[in-house]
Amino acid sequence: MFKVIQAVKKPCLVYKVFAAGRRVGTPAEVRLCLETALGKIKRTDALIAGMYQQLGDQVGDNAAIVRDVCARER
């Protein structure tokens, strides 16, 4: 799917990067999913990630990972 996203000229909304939770069992797996998705989409694309706050501060944790990954790409 990343090849299709890259080939499309318009911005895309990229979702299901965690494969409905099947790909994430540890914080390292969350980071890997986000790094992979952010590294393979266009700069104009948006990433949508499902989160469940009752299992911890997933919003804050994911935001920190995204900031870190994006800062390293500059």
PDB file of N, CA and C in Angstrom:
ATOM      1  N   MET A   1       0.809  -1.185   0.000  1.00  0.00           N
ATOM      2  CA  MET A   1       0.000   0.000   0.000  1.00  0.00           C
ATOM      3  C   MET A   1       0.861   1.261   0.000  1.00  0.00           C
ATOM      4  N   PHE A   2       2.032   1.179   0.627  1.00  0.00           N
ATOM      5  CA  PHE A   2       2.902   2.361   0.644  1.00  0.00           C
ATOM      6  C   PHE A   2       3.298   2.779  -0.772  1.00  0.00           C
ATOM      7  N   LYS A   3       3.478   1.826  -1.671  1.00  0.00           N
ATOM      8  CA  LYS A   3       3.817   2.166  -3.062  1.00  0.00           C
ATOM      9  C   LYS A   3       2.682   2.941  -3.716  1.00  0.00           C
ATOM     10  N   VAL A   4       1.453   2.532  -3.438  1.00  0.00           N
ATOM     11  CA  VAL A   4       0.291   3.228  -3.996  1.00  0.00           C
ATOM     12  C   VAL A   4       0.207   4.636  -3.418  1.00  0.00           C
ATOM     13  N   ILE A   5       0.381   4.754  -2.117  1.00  0.00           N
ATOM     14  CA  ILE A   5       0.331   6.067  -1.464  1.00  0.00           C
ATOM     15  C   ILE A   5       1.378   6.997  -2.058  1.00  0.00           C
ATOM     16  N   GLN A   6       2.572   6.490  -2.270  1.00  0.00           N
ATOM     17  CA  GLN A   6       3.649   7.304  -2.834  1.00  0.00           C
ATOM     18  C   GLN A   6       3.365   7.695  -4.280  1.00  0.00           C
ATOM     19  N   ALA A   7       2.660   6.849  -5.008  1.00  0.00           N
ATOM     20  CA  ALA A   7       2.382   7.122  -6.418  1.00  0.00           C
ATOM     21  C   ALA A   7       1.266   8.142  -6.617  1.00  0.00           C
ATOM     22  N   VAL A   8       0.365   8.244  -5.656  1.00  0.00           N
ATOM     23  CA  VAL A   8      -0.753   9.190  -5.755  1.00  0.00           C
ATOM     24  C   VAL A   8      -0.221  10.609  -5.593  1.00  0.00           C
ATOM     25  N   LYS A   9      -0.618  11.494  -6.491  1.00  0.00           N
ATOM     26  CA  LYS A   9      -0.115  12.867  -6.445  1.00  0.00           C
ATOM     27  C   LYS A   9      -0.755  13.701  -5.330  1.00  0.00           C
ATOM     28  N   LYS A  10      -1.983  13.391  -4.982  1.00  0.00           N
ATOM     29  CA  LYS A  10      -2.685  14.153  -3.946  1.00  0.00           C
ATOM     30  C   LYS A  10      -2.345  13.612  -2.557  1.00  0.00           C
ATOM     31  N   PRO A  11      -2.569  14.428  -1.531  1.00  0.00           N
ATOM     32  CA  PRO A  11      -2.344  13.951  -0.166  1.00  0.00           C
ATOM     33  C   PRO A  11      -3.271  12.790   0.178  1.00  0.00           C
ATOM     34  N   CYS A  12      -2.777  11.869   0.956  1.00  0.00           N
ATOM     35  CA  CYS A  12      -3.549  10.697   1.380  1.00  0.00           C
ATOM     36  C   CYS A  12      -3.741  10.716   2.896  1.00  0.00           C
ATOM     37  N   LEU A  13      -4.817  10.089   3.353  1.00  0.00           N
ATOM     38  CA  LEU A  13      -5.027   9.828   4.764  1.00  0.00           C
ATOM     39  C   LEU A  13      -4.615   8.381   5.007  1.00  0.00           C
ATOM     40  N   VAL A  14      -3.601   8.189   5.786  1.00  0.00           N
ATOM     41  CA  VAL A  14      -3.040   6.854   6.029  1.00  0.00           C
ATOM     42  C   VAL A  14      -3.538   6.374   7.391  1.00  0.00           C
ATOM     43  N   TYR A  15      -4.174   5.214   7.420  1.00  0.00           N
ATOM     44  CA  TYR A  15      -4.705   4.701   8.679  1.00  0.00           C
ATOM     45  C   TYR A  15      -4.456   3.216   8.801  1.00  0.00           C
ATOM     46  N   LYS A  16      -4.779   2.679   9.956  1.00  0.00           N
ATOM     47  CA  LYS A  16      -4.555   1.269  10.305  1.00  0.00           C
ATOM     48  C   LYS A  16      -3.064   0.935  10.357  1.00  0.00           C
ATOM     49  N   VAL A  17      -2.248   1.898  10.781  1.00  0.00           N
ATOM     50  CA  VAL A  17      -0.801   1.646  10.852  1.00  0.00           C
ATOM     51  C   VAL A  17      -0.454   0.658  11.957  1.00  0.00           C
ATOM     52  N   PHE A  18      -1.360   0.465  12.917  1.00  0.00           N
ATOM     53  CA  PHE A  18      -1.139  -0.518  13.971  1.00  0.00           C
ATOM     54  C   PHE A  18      -1.856  -1.836  13.681  1.00  0.00           C
ATOM     55  N   ALA A  19      -2.429  -1.978  12.504  1.00  0.00           N
ATOM     56  CA  ALA A  19      -3.150  -3.195  12.097  1.00  0.00           C
ATOM     57  C   ALA A  19      -4.198  -3.590  13.138  1.00  0.00           C
ATOM     58  N   ALA A  20      -4.996  -2.620  13.538  1.00  0.00           N
ATOM     59  CA  ALA A  20      -6.071  -2.838  14.515  1.00  0.00           C
ATOM     60  C   ALA A  20      -5.536  -3.422  15.822  1.00  0.00           C
ATOM     61  N   GLY A  21      -4.328  -3.040  16.186  1.00  0.00           N
ATOM     62  CA  GLY A  21      -3.728  -3.498  17.435  1.00  0.00           C
ATOM     63  C   GLY A  21      -3.010  -4.826  17.346  1.00  0.00           C
ATOM     64  N   ARG A  22      -3.116  -5.499  16.219  1.00  0.00           N
ATOM     65  CA  ARG A  22      -2.471  -6.802  16.074  1.00  0.00           C
ATOM     66  C   ARG A  22      -0.955  -6.692  15.948  1.00  0.00           C
ATOM     67  N   ARG A  23      -0.449  -5.510  15.605  1.00  0.00           N
ATOM     68  CA  ARG A  23       0.986  -5.331  15.396  1.00  0.00           C
ATOM     69  C   ARG A  23       1.700  -4.739  16.597  1.00  0.00           C
ATOM     70  N   VAL A  24       0.973  -4.426  17.651  1.00  0.00           N
ATOM     71  CA  VAL A  24       1.603  -3.720  18.761  1.00  0.00           C
ATOM     72  C   VAL A  24       1.378  -4.430  20.085  1.00  0.00           C
ATOM     73  N   GLY A  25       2.452  -4.887  20.662  1.00  0.00           N
ATOM     74  CA  GLY A  25       2.382  -5.511  21.969  1.00  0.00           C
ATOM     75  C   GLY A  25       3.322  -4.836  22.944  1.00  0.00           C
ATOM     76  N   THR A  26       4.255  -4.058  22.390  1.00  0.00           N
ATOM     77  CA  THR A  26       5.237  -3.371  23.218  1.00  0.00           C
ATOM     78  C   THR A  26       5.423  -1.940  22.713  1.00  0.00           C
ATOM     79  N   PRO A  27       5.974  -1.069  23.544  1.00  0.00           N
ATOM     80  CA  PRO A  27       6.273   0.290  23.070  1.00  0.00           C
ATOM     81  C   PRO A  27       7.229   0.291  21.869  1.00  0.00           C
ATOM     82  N   ALA A  28       8.137  -0.658  21.809  1.00  0.00           N
ATOM     83  CA  ALA A  28       9.061  -0.739  20.672  1.00  0.00           C
ATOM     84  C   ALA A  28       8.312  -1.038  19.381  1.00  0.00           C
ATOM     85  N   GLU A  29       7.280  -1.867  19.450  1.00  0.00           N
ATOM     86  CA  GLU A  29       6.484  -2.179  18.255  1.00  0.00           C
ATOM     87  C   GLU A  29       5.652  -0.974  17.817  1.00  0.00           C
ATOM     88  N   VAL A  30       5.167  -0.196  18.781  1.00  0.00           N
ATOM     89  CA  VAL A  30       4.434   1.041  18.449  1.00  0.00           C
ATOM     90  C   VAL A  30       5.373   1.969  17.680  1.00  0.00           C
ATOM     91  N   ARG A  31       6.586   2.158  18.220  1.00  0.00           N
ATOM     92  CA  ARG A  31       7.578   3.028  17.569  1.00  0.00           C
ATOM     93  C   ARG A  31       7.888   2.517  16.164  1.00  0.00           C
ATOM     94  N   LEU A  32       8.089   1.220  16.008  1.00  0.00           N
ATOM     95  CA  LEU A  32       8.411   0.658  14.696  1.00  0.00           C
ATOM     96  C   LEU A  32       7.286   0.913  13.694  1.00  0.00           C
ATOM     97  N   CYS A  33       6.034   0.724  14.109  1.00  0.00           N
ATOM     98  CA  CYS A  33       4.901   0.968  13.210  1.00  0.00           C
ATOM     99  C   CYS A  33       4.851   2.436  12.775  1.00  0.00           C
ATOM    100  N   LEU A  34       5.022   3.344  13.728  1.00  0.00           N
ATOM    101  CA  LEU A  34       4.975   4.762  13.389  1.00  0.00           C
ATOM    102  C   LEU A  34       6.169   5.183  12.539  1.00  0.00           C
ATOM    103  N   GLU A  35       7.365   4.684  12.868  1.00  0.00           N
ATOM    104  CA  GLU A  35       8.552   5.012  12.067  1.00  0.00           C
ATOM    105  C   GLU A  35       8.394   4.510  10.637  1.00  0.00           C
ATOM    106  N   THR A  36       7.891   3.294  10.493  1.00  0.00           N
ATOM    107  CA  THR A  36       7.703   2.715   9.155  1.00  0.00           C
ATOM    108  C   THR A  36       6.707   3.537   8.350  1.00  0.00           C
ATOM    109  N   ALA A  37       5.557   3.813   8.948  1.00  0.00           N
ATOM    110  CA  ALA A  37       4.524   4.570   8.231  1.00  0.00           C
ATOM    111  C   ALA A  37       5.019   5.958   7.867  1.00  0.00           C
ATOM    112  N   LEU A  38       5.596   6.669   8.821  1.00  0.00           N
ATOM    113  CA  LEU A  38       6.052   8.032   8.545  1.00  0.00           C
ATOM    114  C   LEU A  38       7.195   8.055   7.532  1.00  0.00           C
ATOM    115  N   GLY A  39       7.988   7.025   7.507  1.00  0.00           N
ATOM    116  CA  GLY A  39       9.101   6.958   6.565  1.00  0.00           C
ATOM    117  C   GLY A  39       8.692   6.598   5.149  1.00  0.00           C
ATOM    118  N   LYS A  40       7.491   6.060   4.979  1.00  0.00           N
ATOM    119  CA  LYS A  40       7.073   5.583   3.664  1.00  0.00           C
ATOM    120  C   LYS A  40       5.945   6.384   3.043  1.00  0.00           C
ATOM    121  N   ILE A  41       5.445   7.407   3.747  1.00  0.00           N
ATOM    122  CA  ILE A  41       4.391   8.230   3.160  1.00  0.00           C
ATOM    123  C   ILE A  41       4.981   9.571   2.728  1.00  0.00           C
ATOM    124  N   LYS A  42       4.203  10.304   1.939  1.00  0.00           N
ATOM    125  CA  LYS A  42       4.660  11.611   1.469  1.00  0.00           C
ATOM    126  C   LYS A  42       4.552  12.640   2.588  1.00  0.00           C
ATOM    127  N   ARG A  43       5.310  13.709   2.479  1.00  0.00           N
ATOM    128  CA  ARG A  43       5.275  14.769   3.496  1.00  0.00           C
ATOM    129  C   ARG A  43       3.910  15.450   3.564  1.00  0.00           C
ATOM    130  N   THR A  44       3.137  15.367   2.503  1.00  0.00           N
ATOM    131  CA  THR A  44       1.821  16.005   2.466  1.00  0.00           C
ATOM    132  C   THR A  44       0.710  15.090   2.984  1.00  0.00           C
ATOM    133  N   ASP A  45       1.011  13.852   3.284  1.00  0.00           N
ATOM    134  CA  ASP A  45       0.011  12.896   3.765  1.00  0.00           C
ATOM    135  C   ASP A  45      -0.243  13.084   5.254  1.00  0.00           C
ATOM    136  N   ALA A  46      -1.375  12.587   5.706  1.00  0.00           N
ATOM    137  CA  ALA A  46      -1.721  12.616   7.126  1.00  0.00           C
ATOM    138  C   ALA A  46      -1.844  11.190   7.640  1.00  0.00           C
ATOM    139  N   LEU A  47      -1.435  10.992   8.873  1.00  0.00           N
ATOM    140  CA  LEU A  47      -1.485   9.672   9.486  1.00  0.00           C
ATOM    141  C   LEU A  47      -2.562   9.678  10.572  1.00  0.00           C
ATOM    142  N   ILE A  48      -3.426   8.690  10.536  1.00  0.00           N
ATOM    143  CA  ILE A  48      -4.496   8.553  11.528  1.00  0.00           C
ATOM    144  C   ILE A  48      -4.194   7.298  12.341  1.00  0.00           C
ATOM    145  N   ALA A  49      -4.091   7.450  13.651  1.00  0.00           N
ATOM    146  CA  ALA A  49      -3.773   6.303  14.510  1.00  0.00           C
ATOM    147  C   ALA A  49      -4.857   6.137  15.565  1.00  0.00           C
ATOM    148  N   GLY A  50      -5.385   4.936  15.662  1.00  0.00           N
ATOM    149  CA  GLY A  50      -6.363   4.648  16.687  1.00  0.00           C
ATOM    150  C   GLY A  50      -5.665   4.456  18.031  1.00  0.00           C
ATOM    151  N   MET A  51      -6.268   5.009  19.070  1.00  0.00           N
ATOM    152  CA  MET A  51      -5.659   4.925  20.393  1.00  0.00           C
ATOM    153  C   MET A  51      -6.733   4.645  21.439  1.00  0.00           C
ATOM    154  N   TYR A  52      -6.310   4.059  22.532  1.00  0.00           N
ATOM    155  CA  TYR A  52      -7.216   3.683  23.614  1.00  0.00           C
ATOM    156  C   TYR A  52      -6.611   4.184  24.912  1.00  0.00           C
ATOM    157  N   GLN A  53      -7.047   5.353  25.352  1.00  0.00           N
ATOM    158  CA  GLN A  53      -6.453   6.035  26.495  1.00  0.00           C
ATOM    159  C   GLN A  53      -6.556   5.260  27.808  1.00  0.00           C
ATOM    160  N   GLN A  54      -7.464   4.319  27.914  1.00  0.00           N
ATOM    161  CA  GLN A  54      -7.618   3.573  29.162  1.00  0.00           C
ATOM    162  C   GLN A  54      -6.443   2.622  29.413  1.00  0.00           C
ATOM    163  N   LEU A  55      -5.612   2.430  28.416  1.00  0.00           N
ATOM    164  CA  LEU A  55      -4.430   1.577  28.582  1.00  0.00           C
ATOM    165  C   LEU A  55      -3.177   2.404  28.840  1.00  0.00           C
ATOM    166  N   GLY A  56      -3.330   3.667  29.138  1.00  0.00           N
ATOM    167  CA  GLY A  56      -2.193   4.548  29.364  1.00  0.00           C
ATOM    168  C   GLY A  56      -2.335   5.789  28.501  1.00  0.00           C
ATOM    169  N   ASP A  57      -1.343   6.633  28.538  1.00  0.00           N
ATOM    170  CA  ASP A  57      -1.374   7.877  27.757  1.00  0.00           C
ATOM    171  C   ASP A  57      -0.870   7.616  26.342  1.00  0.00           C
ATOM    172  N   GLN A  58      -1.663   6.888  25.563  1.00  0.00           N
ATOM    173  CA  GLN A  58      -1.262   6.561  24.199  1.00  0.00           C
ATOM    174  C   GLN A  58      -1.164   7.811  23.330  1.00  0.00           C
ATOM    175  N   VAL A  59      -2.015   8.790  23.554  1.00  0.00           N
ATOM    176  CA  VAL A  59      -1.953  10.034  22.770  1.00  0.00           C
ATOM    177  C   VAL A  59      -0.611  10.716  23.008  1.00  0.00           C
ATOM    178  N   GLY A  60      -0.244  10.900  24.261  1.00  0.00           N
ATOM    179  CA  GLY A  60       1.026  11.541  24.585  1.00  0.00           C
ATOM    180  C   GLY A  60       2.223  10.734  24.120  1.00  0.00           C
ATOM    181  N   ASP A  61       2.181   9.427  24.332  1.00  0.00           N
ATOM    182  CA  ASP A  61       3.290   8.562  23.924  1.00  0.00           C
ATOM    183  C   ASP A  61       3.474   8.583  22.405  1.00  0.00           C
ATOM    184  N   ASN A  62       2.369   8.457  21.668  1.00  0.00           N
ATOM    185  CA  ASN A  62       2.458   8.447  20.206  1.00  0.00           C
ATOM    186  C   ASN A  62       2.898   9.804  19.665  1.00  0.00           C
ATOM    187  N   ALA A  63       2.399  10.874  20.275  1.00  0.00           N
ATOM    188  CA  ALA A  63       2.803  12.220  19.848  1.00  0.00           C
ATOM    189  C   ALA A  63       4.306  12.416  20.044  1.00  0.00           C
ATOM    190  N   ALA A  64       4.839  11.919  21.148  1.00  0.00           N
ATOM    191  CA  ALA A  64       6.274  12.040  21.409  1.00  0.00           C
ATOM    192  C   ALA A  64       7.080  11.272  20.369  1.00  0.00           C
ATOM    193  N   ILE A  65       6.614  10.090  20.004  1.00  0.00           N
ATOM    194  CA  ILE A  65       7.312   9.297  18.984  1.00  0.00           C
ATOM    195  C   ILE A  65       7.284  10.022  17.642  1.00  0.00           C
ATOM    196  N   VAL A  66       6.121  10.537  17.265  1.00  0.00           N
ATOM    197  CA  VAL A  66       5.992  11.242  15.980  1.00  0.00           C
ATOM    198  C   VAL A  66       6.900  12.475  15.958  1.00  0.00           C
ATOM    199  N   ARG A  67       6.911  13.238  17.052  1.00  0.00           N
ATOM    200  CA  ARG A  67       7.807  14.412  17.112  1.00  0.00           C
ATOM    201  C   ARG A  67       9.256  13.995  16.955  1.00  0.00           C
ATOM    202  N   ASP A  68       9.658  12.921  17.628  1.00  0.00           N
ATOM    203  CA  ASP A  68      11.038  12.438  17.547  1.00  0.00           C
ATOM    204  C   ASP A  68      11.390  11.988  16.134  1.00  0.00           C
ATOM    205  N   VAL A  69      10.522  11.200  15.519  1.00  0.00           N
ATOM    206  CA  VAL A  69      10.774  10.699  14.166  1.00  0.00           C
ATOM    207  C   VAL A  69      10.847  11.866  13.167  1.00  0.00           C
ATOM    208  N   CYS A  70       9.923  12.791  13.260  1.00  0.00           N
ATOM    209  CA  CYS A  70       9.895  13.926  12.330  1.00  0.00           C
ATOM    210  C   CYS A  70      11.103  14.849  12.551  1.00  0.00           C
ATOM    211  N   ALA A  71      11.548  15.014  13.776  1.00  0.00           N
ATOM    212  CA  ALA A  71      12.713  15.854  14.055  1.00  0.00           C
ATOM    213  C   ALA A  71      13.978  15.252  13.466  1.00  0.00           C
ATOM    214  N   ARG A  72      14.072  13.937  13.474  1.00  0.00           N
ATOM    215  CA  ARG A  72      15.260  13.276  12.909  1.00  0.00           C
ATOM    216  C   ARG A  72      15.285  13.349  11.394  1.00  0.00           C
ATOM    217  N   GLU A  73      14.123  13.510  10.759  1.00  0.00           N
ATOM    218  CA  GLU A  73      14.064  13.561   9.293  1.00  0.00           C
ATOM    219  C   GLU A  73      14.501  14.904   8.734  1.00  0.00           C
ATOM    220  N   ARG A  74      14.564  15.930   9.556  1.00  0.00           N
ATOM    221  CA  ARG A  74      14.914  17.274   9.054  1.00  0.00           C
ATOM    222  C   ARG A  74      16.365  17.388   8.747  1.00  0.00           C
TER     223      ARG A  74
END
